[in-house]
Amino acid sequence: MADAPKRRRSGGRAANAAKRQTAEINQMPWRIPVNTDRPTEPLFEDGVQAIHDGAMRILEDIGIEFLNEEAIELFKQAGCTVNGTNVRMGRDWVMEMVAKAPEQFDITPRNPDRKITMGGKHILFGNVSSPPNYFDLEIGKKVSGNRKQCADLLRLTQHFNCIHFAGGYPVEPVDVHASVRHLDVVFDKLVIGDKVVHAYSLGKERVEDVMEMVRISGGWTDEEFQASPKMYTNINSTSPLKHDVPMIDGCLRCVRKGQAVVVTPFTLAGAMAPVTMAGAVTLSIAEALSAIALFQYVRPGAACVIGTFTSNVDMKSGAPAFGTPEYMRATQMTGQMARFYGLPMRSSGVCAANVPDGQAMWETSNSLWAAVQSGTNMVYHAAGWLEGGLIASPEKFVMDCEVIQMIQRYMEPQITATAPEDIAVDAIKEVGPNGHFFGIQHTQDRYEEAFYSPFVSDWRNFEAWELSGAVWTAERAHGVFKEIINTFEEPPMDAALRSKLEDFVARRKSEGGAPTDF
């Protein structure tokens, strides 16, 4: 147990907490939140122009390395300056291409009721993606991920209405061979859940397999699948100044079939980017726009999102740091730049903490609120992330969902409504200077939905909390996790479509899946 003294860190204690967790899990209904706040904009107009000019100078004078041969040929066709793998591109061409990208678009999964809208003032939250390791209170230590743990995290992804899309593998199931891992995990994603899913751009076989599996799951023809986004891929540049072979290949395959792409440079100030946050953001913008311009050249109007993963390193150890003041400002600055270019934006809910403790929650809360402040549209890794992305934790997932629900509640317009019944002058007159508001009709008519109701937080005083077992926060979260897993029911799926999906997985496995080095 992360917050508690050592004696509380046993698996037995966590198991007992799970048995005591009998209260109903309160959650908000499914909906796409709208961020009504004005974005925080730390840059003045001349600052936006300075970063834009810096990014354009990088693209024009320094260039970006594209290791993908097809991309190189496409840039040559477009009239860019190509020298080996180095590509330089004029700002006028870049801005012409980027202007073709839509400011807003929808992604529709197999369940059309789970359609999500990317862009505008919408803000979407997704699960943790890609950690190689797993930690929960019963195990009590960091272990390599497996398929069961991955599936349990997918069940949390499906259960929580505040999680709108599924990212990559919520934990890497290393017990499944890498050649067929994508087949098993995406199958689990599509039958355990009915939300928007993701494909890794790690070789043509994985991308093509996932697109076909998503198409099968929705019962779409090829034409219907390609008519509008049904899924997405997310790639990272290899900072500084480089895009690798498989990720660009995967994005090209996705945009040609009408699917969405997210381009997210991973720029750590002081290591992979300049130590100044303005310099790190400028590098990130240049790397992202170079790829987005390419995708728009290939398919004008392709659904593209510009991502930010700009943070700093701990200059004492070199380890990545997240949820820092610098991370927050970099996210806000990138939000300004995304609006300048008319692109939807992705950021992340991240932390450097190793266990689900106080540090984990303040760093993640900083990251999540930076997403709100920046006008982010897509929040990756919003629930379940630990150790800089090396650990996935179900307790942390549940705790993060409490914060996300609070953020969604914060955005509800009724909180700031100012109709006469909200101003409540008559109620104030009725109570006067010597009464209270508990029993009056105005309160009785509204109290059930007046305030946020938590499912993990414990609002009782110390004595009441102690009498009920003195269960610490992460232990309560473990109980919620166990309750969800023990009562989980898969969403409905047409039996014929499921059978086709099973047949496809079996066939691709017999063919060897995706090539690997081992």
Protein backbone atom coordinates (compact mmCIF):
# COMPACT_ATOMS: atom_id res chain seq x y z
CA MET A 1 0.00 0.00 0.00
CA ALA A 2 1.59 3.20 -1.19
CA ASP A 3 0.42 5.79 1.34
CA ALA A 4 0.42 3.60 4.43
CA PRO A 5 3.17 2.49 6.82
CA LYS A 6 5.00 -0.75 5.98
CA ARG A 7 2.70 -2.95 8.00
CA ARG A 8 -0.16 -1.98 5.67
CA ARG A 9 1.56 -3.14 2.49
CA SER A 10 0.59 -6.80 2.61
CA GLY A 11 -1.54 -8.55 0.02
CA GLY A 12 -3.82 -9.81 2.81
CA ARG A 13 -4.68 -6.26 3.85
CA ALA A 14 -5.52 -5.37 0.26
CA ALA A 15 -7.63 -8.49 -0.15
CA ASN A 16 -9.55 -7.68 3.04
CA ALA A 17 -10.16 -4.15 1.76
CA ALA A 18 -11.60 -5.64 -1.42
CA LYS A 19 -14.03 -7.76 0.61
CA ARG A 20 -15.14 -4.73 2.63
CA GLN A 21 -15.76 -2.68 -0.53
CA THR A 22 -19.53 -3.04 -0.81
CA ALA A 23 -20.70 0.51 -1.50
CA GLU A 24 -22.12 1.20 -4.94
CA ILE A 25 -19.61 2.68 -7.38
CA ASN A 26 -21.00 6.06 -8.31
CA GLN A 27 -20.11 7.31 -11.73
CA MET A 28 -21.42 9.86 -14.17
CA PRO A 29 -23.22 8.79 -17.33
CA TRP A 30 -21.31 8.49 -20.60
CA ARG A 31 -20.93 11.80 -22.37
CA ILE A 32 -18.36 13.85 -24.25
CA PRO A 33 -17.28 16.69 -21.92
CA VAL A 34 -17.10 20.23 -23.24
CA ASN A 35 -14.41 22.44 -21.72
CA THR A 36 -16.16 25.76 -21.13
CA ASP A 37 -13.15 27.54 -19.60
CA ARG A 38 -11.05 30.01 -21.52
CA PRO A 39 -7.65 28.40 -22.13
CA THR A 40 -4.63 29.54 -20.18
CA GLU A 41 -2.31 31.26 -22.63
CA PRO A 42 1.12 32.07 -21.16
CA LEU A 43 2.44 33.33 -24.50
CA PHE A 44 1.75 36.80 -25.83
CA GLU A 45 1.10 37.09 -29.57
CA ASP A 46 4.76 37.81 -30.26
CA GLY A 47 5.66 34.64 -28.34
CA VAL A 48 3.37 32.54 -30.54
CA GLN A 49 4.95 34.10 -33.62
CA ALA A 50 8.45 33.49 -32.25
CA ILE A 51 7.79 29.77 -31.70
CA HIS A 52 6.12 29.49 -35.12
CA ASP A 53 9.05 31.22 -36.80
CA GLY A 54 11.51 29.02 -34.93
CA ALA A 55 9.68 25.88 -36.03
CA MET A 56 9.59 27.07 -39.63
CA ARG A 57 13.32 27.88 -39.54
CA ILE A 58 14.01 24.34 -38.32
CA LEU A 59 11.98 22.91 -41.20
CA GLU A 60 13.53 25.23 -43.79
CA ASP A 61 17.16 25.42 -42.70
CA ILE A 62 17.92 22.34 -40.56
CA GLY A 63 15.42 19.79 -41.81
CA ILE A 64 13.94 16.62 -40.35
CA GLU A 65 15.37 13.15 -40.87
CA PHE A 66 12.81 10.79 -42.41
CA LEU A 67 14.12 7.23 -42.44
CA ASN A 68 11.07 5.94 -44.34
CA GLU A 69 11.90 5.57 -48.05
CA GLU A 70 8.30 6.06 -49.19
CA ALA A 71 8.13 9.33 -47.24
CA ILE A 72 11.33 10.50 -48.91
CA GLU A 73 9.85 9.87 -52.38
CA LEU A 74 6.65 11.69 -51.43
CA PHE A 75 8.59 14.72 -50.22
CA LYS A 76 10.51 14.74 -53.51
CA GLN A 77 7.21 14.70 -55.42
CA ALA A 78 6.00 17.61 -53.30
CA GLY A 79 9.05 19.67 -54.26
CA CYS A 80 10.77 19.62 -50.87
CA THR A 81 14.57 19.63 -50.62
CA VAL A 82 15.79 16.10 -49.97
CA ASN A 83 19.40 15.18 -49.21
CA GLY A 84 19.61 11.51 -48.31
CA THR A 85 17.21 11.18 -45.39
CA ASN A 86 17.21 14.89 -44.56
CA VAL A 87 14.09 16.75 -45.68
CA ARG A 88 13.78 20.53 -45.70
CA MET A 89 10.46 22.10 -46.53
CA GLY A 90 9.35 25.67 -47.10
CA ARG A 91 7.00 27.29 -44.61
CA ASP A 92 4.47 28.22 -47.29
CA TRP A 93 4.12 24.58 -48.33
CA VAL A 94 3.91 23.40 -44.71
CA MET A 95 1.21 25.91 -43.85
CA GLU A 96 -0.72 25.09 -47.05
CA MET A 97 -0.70 21.40 -46.16
CA VAL A 98 -1.52 21.85 -42.46
CA ALA A 99 -4.46 24.11 -43.38
CA LYS A 100 -6.08 21.12 -45.10
CA ALA A 101 -6.42 19.22 -41.81
CA PRO A 102 -9.87 19.40 -40.16
CA GLU A 103 -10.20 21.34 -36.91
CA GLN A 104 -12.73 18.78 -35.68
CA PHE A 105 -13.74 15.24 -36.61
CA ASP A 106 -15.54 12.20 -35.22
CA ILE A 107 -14.29 8.65 -34.61
CA THR A 108 -17.03 6.00 -34.55
CA PRO A 109 -16.32 2.56 -32.99
CA ARG A 110 -18.42 -0.60 -33.35
CA ASN A 111 -20.96 0.86 -30.93
CA PRO A 112 -22.07 4.15 -32.53
CA ASP A 113 -23.29 5.37 -29.14
CA ARG A 114 -19.59 5.55 -28.15
CA LYS A 115 -18.69 7.93 -30.96
CA ILE A 116 -16.19 10.57 -29.89
CA THR A 117 -15.63 14.08 -31.23
CA MET A 118 -12.05 15.27 -31.53
CA GLY A 119 -11.45 19.01 -31.62
CA GLY A 120 -13.29 22.20 -30.71
CA LYS A 121 -13.85 22.47 -26.98
CA HIS A 122 -14.30 18.73 -26.47
CA ILE A 123 -11.95 16.95 -24.06
CA LEU A 124 -11.58 13.17 -24.12
CA PHE A 125 -9.77 10.91 -21.65
CA GLY A 126 -8.07 7.58 -22.38
CA ASN A 127 -6.46 4.77 -20.42
CA VAL A 128 -2.79 4.19 -19.69
CA SER A 129 -0.97 2.76 -22.70
CA SER A 130 2.16 0.64 -23.22
CA PRO A 131 3.85 0.13 -19.81
CA PRO A 132 5.87 -3.09 -19.77
CA ASN A 133 5.23 -3.63 -16.04
CA TYR A 134 2.29 -4.00 -13.67
CA PHE A 135 1.78 -3.29 -9.99
CA ASP A 136 -1.17 -3.88 -7.70
CA LEU A 137 -1.56 -4.14 -3.94
CA GLU A 138 -2.11 -7.90 -3.86
CA ILE A 139 1.08 -8.64 -5.77
CA GLY A 140 2.88 -5.89 -3.85
CA LYS A 141 5.76 -5.49 -6.29
CA LYS A 142 6.51 -4.54 -9.90
CA VAL A 143 6.11 -7.48 -12.29
CA SER A 144 6.11 -7.94 -16.07
CA GLY A 145 2.66 -7.58 -17.57
CA ASN A 146 0.54 -10.49 -18.78
CA ARG A 147 -2.64 -10.92 -20.82
CA LYS A 148 -4.93 -11.32 -17.81
CA GLN A 149 -3.69 -8.07 -16.27
CA CYS A 150 -4.04 -6.36 -19.64
CA ALA A 151 -7.61 -7.64 -19.96
CA ASP A 152 -8.49 -6.48 -16.43
CA LEU A 153 -7.26 -2.98 -17.27
CA LEU A 154 -9.37 -3.11 -20.44
CA ARG A 155 -12.35 -3.97 -18.23
CA LEU A 156 -11.69 -0.83 -16.20
CA THR A 157 -11.41 1.09 -19.47
CA GLN A 158 -14.82 -0.15 -20.54
CA HIS A 159 -16.45 0.23 -17.13
CA PHE A 160 -15.65 3.87 -16.46
CA ASN A 161 -17.78 6.29 -18.44
CA CYS A 162 -15.19 9.02 -17.93
CA ILE A 163 -12.76 7.01 -20.11
CA HIS A 164 -13.69 7.70 -23.71
CA PHE A 165 -11.19 5.72 -25.76
CA ALA A 166 -8.75 2.84 -25.45
CA GLY A 167 -5.11 3.57 -26.14
CA GLY A 168 -2.40 1.00 -26.76
CA TYR A 169 -1.98 -2.07 -24.57
CA PRO A 170 -2.78 -0.86 -21.03
CA VAL A 171 0.07 -3.13 -19.98
CA GLU A 172 2.33 -5.07 -22.32
CA PRO A 173 1.36 -8.78 -22.08
CA VAL A 174 4.82 -10.28 -22.38
CA ASP A 175 3.40 -13.80 -21.94
CA VAL A 176 2.02 -13.50 -25.50
CA HIS A 177 4.61 -13.68 -28.28
CA ALA A 178 5.22 -10.36 -30.00
CA SER A 179 4.31 -11.78 -33.41
CA VAL A 180 0.69 -12.38 -32.38
CA ARG A 181 0.34 -10.06 -29.38
CA HIS A 182 -1.56 -7.46 -31.38
CA LEU A 183 -4.09 -10.08 -32.50
CA ASP A 184 -4.86 -11.25 -28.96
CA VAL A 185 -4.93 -7.84 -27.31
CA VAL A 186 -6.99 -6.11 -30.02
CA PHE A 187 -9.41 -9.04 -29.94
CA ASP A 188 -9.72 -8.50 -26.18
CA LYS A 189 -10.20 -4.77 -26.73
CA LEU A 190 -12.97 -5.30 -29.23
CA VAL A 191 -14.95 -7.87 -27.22
CA ILE A 192 -14.32 -6.55 -23.69
CA GLY A 193 -15.14 -3.02 -24.81
CA ASP A 194 -17.04 -1.10 -27.43
CA LYS A 195 -15.08 2.17 -27.36
CA VAL A 196 -12.69 3.65 -29.92
CA VAL A 197 -9.45 1.64 -30.16
CA HIS A 198 -5.87 2.21 -31.30
CA ALA A 199 -3.38 0.47 -33.57
CA TYR A 200 0.37 0.51 -33.00
CA SER A 201 2.31 1.70 -36.04
CA LEU A 202 4.98 -0.96 -35.62
CA GLY A 203 5.15 -2.66 -39.01
CA LYS A 204 2.61 -2.98 -41.78
CA GLU A 205 1.20 -6.29 -40.52
CA ARG A 206 0.12 -4.90 -37.17
CA VAL A 207 -1.55 -1.81 -38.62
CA GLU A 208 -3.28 -3.68 -41.42
CA ASP A 209 -4.42 -6.45 -39.06
CA VAL A 210 -5.91 -4.00 -36.58
CA MET A 211 -7.70 -2.01 -39.27
CA GLU A 212 -9.23 -5.23 -40.58
CA MET A 213 -10.23 -6.38 -37.09
CA VAL A 214 -11.91 -3.04 -36.37
CA ARG A 215 -13.69 -3.21 -39.73
CA ILE A 216 -14.96 -6.72 -38.94
CA SER A 217 -16.10 -5.73 -35.44
CA GLY A 218 -18.33 -2.99 -36.85
CA GLY A 219 -19.69 -5.05 -39.72
CA TRP A 220 -18.54 -2.38 -42.19
CA THR A 221 -17.69 -2.87 -45.83
CA ASP A 222 -14.29 -1.63 -46.96
CA GLU A 223 -15.95 1.47 -48.39
CA GLU A 224 -17.87 2.17 -45.19
CA PHE A 225 -14.76 1.68 -43.07
CA GLN A 226 -12.70 4.06 -45.17
CA ALA A 227 -15.40 6.73 -45.45
CA SER A 228 -14.70 8.12 -41.96
CA PRO A 229 -12.44 7.36 -38.97
CA LYS A 230 -13.32 4.24 -36.97
CA MET A 231 -9.99 4.03 -35.05
CA TYR A 232 -6.66 5.84 -34.77
CA THR A 233 -2.92 5.40 -34.45
CA ASN A 234 -0.53 7.44 -32.34
CA ILE A 235 3.16 7.88 -33.17
CA ASN A 236 6.17 9.52 -31.56
CA SER A 237 9.00 11.19 -33.39
CA THR A 238 12.51 10.13 -32.43
CA SER A 239 13.63 13.42 -30.96
CA PRO A 240 15.61 15.31 -31.87
CA LEU A 241 14.68 15.85 -35.54
CA LYS A 242 13.85 12.33 -36.69
CA HIS A 243 10.91 10.15 -37.79
CA ASP A 244 11.51 6.41 -38.00
CA VAL A 245 10.45 3.83 -40.60
CA PRO A 246 7.49 1.87 -39.12
CA MET A 247 5.62 4.74 -37.51
CA ILE A 248 5.50 6.85 -40.66
CA ASP A 249 4.55 3.70 -42.60
CA GLY A 250 1.69 3.00 -40.20
CA CYS A 251 0.36 6.54 -40.42
CA LEU A 252 0.49 6.50 -44.22
CA ARG A 253 -1.49 3.26 -44.22
CA CYS A 254 -4.05 4.71 -41.81
CA VAL A 255 -4.60 8.00 -43.62
CA ARG A 256 -4.96 6.22 -46.97
CA LYS A 257 -7.79 4.21 -45.43
CA GLY A 258 -9.42 7.23 -43.84
CA GLN A 259 -8.34 6.60 -40.26
CA ALA A 260 -7.11 9.17 -37.72
CA VAL A 261 -3.48 9.77 -36.80
CA VAL A 262 -1.94 11.47 -33.76
CA VAL A 263 1.62 12.79 -34.07
CA THR A 264 3.26 13.24 -30.66
CA PRO A 265 6.92 14.24 -30.42
CA PHE A 266 8.51 13.07 -27.17
CA THR A 267 10.74 16.01 -26.29
CA LEU A 268 12.40 16.08 -22.88
CA ALA A 269 13.93 19.47 -22.17
CA GLY A 270 17.57 19.17 -21.21
CA ALA A 271 18.03 15.77 -22.89
CA MET A 272 16.25 15.31 -26.22
CA ALA A 273 15.37 18.99 -26.61
CA PRO A 274 16.77 22.38 -25.55
CA VAL A 275 16.75 23.02 -21.82
CA THR A 276 14.46 26.03 -22.31
CA MET A 277 10.76 25.17 -22.52
CA ALA A 278 10.24 27.53 -25.48
CA GLY A 279 13.03 25.75 -27.32
CA ALA A 280 11.61 22.31 -26.47
CA VAL A 281 8.13 23.32 -27.62
CA THR A 282 9.55 24.81 -30.83
CA LEU A 283 11.37 21.55 -31.63
CA SER A 284 8.21 19.55 -30.85
CA ILE A 285 6.09 21.72 -33.15
CA ALA A 286 8.56 21.37 -36.02
CA GLU A 287 8.72 17.57 -35.69
CA ALA A 288 4.94 17.23 -35.54
CA LEU A 289 4.14 19.58 -38.41
CA SER A 290 6.65 17.89 -40.72
CA ALA A 291 4.72 14.61 -40.45
CA ILE A 292 1.24 16.19 -40.51
CA ALA A 293 2.17 18.12 -43.68
CA LEU A 294 3.20 14.82 -45.30
CA PHE A 295 -0.08 13.13 -44.36
CA GLN A 296 -2.11 16.04 -45.70
CA TYR A 297 -0.15 15.89 -48.96
CA VAL A 298 -1.04 12.20 -49.29
CA ARG A 299 -4.70 12.61 -48.32
CA PRO A 300 -5.94 16.20 -47.99
CA GLY A 301 -8.37 16.48 -45.10
CA ALA A 302 -6.98 13.45 -43.26
CA ALA A 303 -7.93 13.44 -39.58
CA CYS A 304 -4.76 14.53 -37.75
CA VAL A 305 -4.06 15.50 -34.14
CA ILE A 306 -0.94 17.32 -32.96
CA GLY A 307 0.39 15.87 -29.72
CA THR A 308 2.62 17.21 -27.00
CA PHE A 309 4.81 15.18 -24.70
CA THR A 310 7.16 17.96 -23.72
CA SER A 311 8.48 17.77 -20.17
CA ASN A 312 11.84 18.05 -18.47
CA VAL A 313 14.37 15.67 -17.00
CA ASP A 314 15.64 15.50 -13.45
CA MET A 315 19.05 17.11 -13.99
CA LYS A 316 20.43 15.14 -11.02
CA SER A 317 19.61 11.69 -12.41
CA GLY A 318 18.57 12.21 -16.03
CA ALA A 319 15.20 10.55 -15.33
CA PRO A 320 12.09 12.00 -16.97
CA ALA A 321 9.96 14.19 -14.71
CA PHE A 322 6.22 14.69 -15.22
CA GLY A 323 3.52 16.85 -13.71
CA THR A 324 6.12 19.57 -13.15
CA PRO A 325 5.51 23.32 -13.51
CA GLU A 326 7.54 23.16 -16.71
CA TYR A 327 5.39 20.32 -18.06
CA MET A 328 2.25 22.33 -17.34
CA ARG A 329 3.54 25.45 -19.07
CA ALA A 330 4.79 23.47 -22.07
CA THR A 331 1.33 21.91 -22.43
CA GLN A 332 -0.37 25.31 -22.24
CA MET A 333 2.07 26.77 -24.77
CA THR A 334 1.47 23.88 -27.15
CA GLY A 335 -2.26 24.46 -26.79
CA GLN A 336 -1.77 27.99 -28.05
CA MET A 337 0.22 26.70 -31.01
CA ALA A 338 -2.37 24.02 -31.82
CA ARG A 339 -5.06 26.70 -32.01
CA PHE A 340 -2.72 28.83 -34.16
CA TYR A 341 -2.49 25.95 -36.66
CA GLY A 342 -6.15 24.94 -36.34
CA LEU A 343 -5.36 21.40 -35.16
CA PRO A 344 -6.90 19.26 -32.40
CA MET A 345 -4.41 18.58 -29.61
CA ARG A 346 -3.34 15.60 -27.52
CA SER A 347 -1.59 15.76 -24.13
CA SER A 348 -1.21 13.24 -21.29
CA GLY A 349 -2.05 12.48 -17.66
CA VAL A 350 1.37 11.48 -16.41
CA CYS A 351 3.57 11.23 -13.32
CA ALA A 352 6.99 10.00 -12.27
CA ALA A 353 5.82 8.34 -9.02
CA ASN A 354 6.52 4.62 -8.56
CA VAL A 355 3.44 3.63 -6.52
CA PRO A 356 -0.13 4.98 -6.19
CA ASP A 357 0.69 7.50 -3.47
CA GLY A 358 0.40 11.24 -2.88
CA GLN A 359 3.16 12.10 -5.33
CA ALA A 360 1.40 10.06 -8.01
CA MET A 361 -1.82 11.98 -7.53
CA TRP A 362 -0.44 15.53 -7.31
CA GLU A 363 1.73 15.02 -10.39
CA THR A 364 -1.10 13.42 -12.35
CA SER A 365 -3.54 16.11 -11.21
CA ASN A 366 -1.09 18.75 -12.42
CA SER A 367 -0.94 16.97 -15.77
CA LEU A 368 -4.72 16.61 -16.05
CA TRP A 369 -5.40 20.22 -15.11
CA ALA A 370 -2.74 21.34 -17.57
CA ALA A 371 -4.77 19.46 -20.20
CA VAL A 372 -7.87 21.40 -19.17
CA GLN A 373 -6.04 24.72 -19.09
CA SER A 374 -4.41 24.16 -22.48
CA GLY A 375 -7.61 23.31 -24.33
CA THR A 376 -6.43 19.75 -24.96
CA ASN A 377 -8.88 17.58 -26.88
CA MET A 378 -7.36 14.15 -26.25
CA VAL A 379 -5.78 13.18 -22.92
CA TYR A 380 -3.67 10.05 -23.32
CA HIS A 381 -2.60 7.99 -20.28
CA ALA A 382 -5.27 9.72 -18.19
CA ALA A 383 -5.77 6.74 -15.85
CA GLY A 384 -3.37 4.14 -14.49
CA TRP A 385 0.12 5.50 -15.28
CA LEU A 386 3.11 5.16 -12.90
CA GLU A 387 6.93 5.36 -13.02
CA GLY A 388 7.10 7.59 -16.07
CA GLY A 389 5.07 5.10 -18.10
CA LEU A 390 6.89 1.94 -17.03
CA ILE A 391 4.14 0.67 -14.69
CA ALA A 392 0.38 0.27 -15.04
CA SER A 393 -1.62 0.08 -11.82
CA PRO A 394 -5.34 -0.69 -11.39
CA GLU A 395 -5.44 1.20 -8.08
CA LYS A 396 -3.95 4.26 -9.76
CA PHE A 397 -6.46 3.80 -12.61
CA VAL A 398 -9.38 3.96 -10.18
CA MET A 399 -7.92 6.91 -8.27
CA ASP A 400 -7.32 8.80 -11.53
CA CYS A 401 -10.91 8.19 -12.60
CA GLU A 402 -12.05 9.93 -9.42
CA VAL A 403 -10.03 13.00 -10.46
CA ILE A 404 -11.30 12.83 -14.05
CA GLN A 405 -14.89 12.64 -12.84
CA MET A 406 -14.28 15.70 -10.66
CA ILE A 407 -12.93 17.53 -13.70
CA GLN A 408 -15.99 16.55 -15.71
CA ARG A 409 -18.26 17.69 -12.90
CA TYR A 410 -16.35 20.98 -12.74
CA MET A 411 -17.24 21.53 -16.41
CA GLU A 412 -20.99 21.00 -15.99
CA PRO A 413 -22.82 24.23 -16.81
CA GLN A 414 -25.33 23.89 -13.97
CA ILE A 415 -22.58 24.66 -11.45
CA THR A 416 -22.31 28.21 -12.75
CA ALA A 417 -25.96 28.67 -13.71
CA THR A 418 -27.39 32.06 -12.70
CA ALA A 419 -31.15 31.73 -13.17
CA PRO A 420 -33.28 33.18 -10.33
CA GLU A 421 -33.59 29.78 -8.66
CA ASP A 422 -29.78 29.50 -8.73
CA ILE A 423 -29.20 32.96 -7.28
CA ALA A 424 -31.69 31.78 -4.62
CA VAL A 425 -32.57 35.15 -3.10
CA ASP A 426 -35.95 33.78 -1.89
CA ALA A 427 -34.22 30.88 -0.15
CA ILE A 428 -31.76 33.25 1.50
CA LYS A 429 -34.70 35.42 2.66
CA GLU A 430 -36.52 32.35 4.03
CA VAL A 431 -33.56 31.23 6.14
CA GLY A 432 -32.55 34.70 7.30
CA PRO A 433 -29.59 35.38 9.59
CA ASN A 434 -30.36 32.74 12.23
CA GLY A 435 -31.42 29.62 10.36
CA HIS A 436 -29.81 27.00 8.12
CA PHE A 437 -30.42 25.66 4.63
CA PHE A 438 -30.53 21.91 5.32
CA GLY A 439 -34.26 21.54 5.70
CA ILE A 440 -35.78 24.16 3.41
CA GLN A 441 -37.58 23.12 0.23
CA HIS A 442 -35.01 24.75 -2.06
CA THR A 443 -32.36 22.37 -0.66
CA GLN A 444 -34.68 19.34 -0.54
CA ASP A 445 -35.49 19.75 -4.22
CA ARG A 446 -31.82 19.79 -5.24
CA TYR A 447 -29.59 18.08 -2.69
CA GLU A 448 -29.31 14.69 -4.42
CA GLU A 449 -27.60 16.16 -7.49
CA ALA A 450 -26.28 19.42 -6.09
CA PHE A 451 -22.70 18.25 -5.48
CA TYR A 452 -20.20 15.74 -6.76
CA SER A 453 -20.48 12.32 -5.10
CA PRO A 454 -17.16 10.39 -4.85
CA PHE A 455 -16.60 6.65 -5.20
CA VAL A 456 -13.06 6.49 -3.76
CA SER A 457 -12.66 9.58 -1.59
CA ASP A 458 -13.75 9.18 2.02
CA TRP A 459 -15.27 12.40 3.40
CA ARG A 460 -15.96 11.16 6.93
CA ASN A 461 -14.04 12.44 9.92
CA PHE A 462 -11.10 10.53 11.36
CA GLU A 463 -13.08 8.71 14.05
CA ALA A 464 -15.72 7.46 11.59
CA TRP A 465 -13.02 6.43 9.10
CA GLU A 466 -11.12 4.60 11.84
CA LEU A 467 -14.22 2.78 13.09
CA SER A 468 -14.97 1.56 9.57
CA GLY A 469 -11.57 -0.08 9.27
CA ALA A 470 -9.14 2.79 8.62
CA VAL A 471 -8.82 1.88 4.95
CA TRP A 472 -6.31 4.05 3.10
CA THR A 473 -7.06 5.51 -0.32
CA ALA A 474 -5.17 3.03 -2.51
CA GLU A 475 -6.70 0.14 -0.53
CA ARG A 476 -10.18 1.53 -1.21
CA ALA A 477 -9.24 1.85 -4.87
CA HIS A 478 -8.13 -1.78 -4.87
CA GLY A 479 -11.54 -2.74 -3.51
CA VAL A 480 -13.28 -0.80 -6.29
CA PHE A 481 -11.04 -2.50 -8.86
CA LYS A 482 -11.92 -5.96 -7.53
CA GLU A 483 -15.63 -5.18 -7.43
CA ILE A 484 -15.60 -4.00 -11.04
CA ILE A 485 -13.67 -7.06 -12.26
CA ASN A 486 -15.85 -9.51 -10.31
CA THR A 487 -19.10 -8.07 -11.65
CA PHE A 488 -18.00 -7.09 -15.15
CA GLU A 489 -20.16 -8.02 -18.13
CA GLU A 490 -18.92 -7.65 -21.68
CA PRO A 491 -20.94 -5.31 -23.91
CA PRO A 492 -23.10 -7.05 -26.52
CA MET A 493 -21.51 -8.07 -29.81
CA ASP A 494 -23.18 -9.72 -32.77
CA ALA A 495 -22.34 -13.43 -32.65
CA ALA A 496 -21.62 -13.64 -36.37
CA LEU A 497 -19.21 -10.70 -36.20
CA ARG A 498 -17.46 -12.19 -33.18
CA SER A 499 -17.09 -15.47 -35.06
CA LYS A 500 -15.57 -13.64 -38.05
CA LEU A 501 -13.18 -11.87 -35.70
CA GLU A 502 -12.14 -15.18 -34.13
CA ASP A 503 -11.61 -16.72 -37.58
CA PHE A 504 -9.46 -13.77 -38.67
CA VAL A 505 -7.28 -14.04 -35.55
CA ALA A 506 -6.88 -17.78 -36.01
CA ARG A 507 -5.94 -17.39 -39.68
CA ARG A 508 -3.40 -14.65 -39.04
CA LYS A 509 -1.85 -16.68 -36.24
CA SER A 510 -1.50 -19.67 -38.56
CA GLU A 511 0.25 -17.36 -41.02
CA GLY A 512 2.73 -16.30 -38.35
CA GLY A 513 1.31 -12.87 -37.43
CA ALA A 514 3.84 -10.05 -37.64
CA PRO A 515 7.56 -10.66 -38.21
CA THR A 516 9.84 -10.20 -35.18
CA ASP A 517 13.55 -10.40 -34.39
CA PHE A 518 13.12 -13.47 -32.20
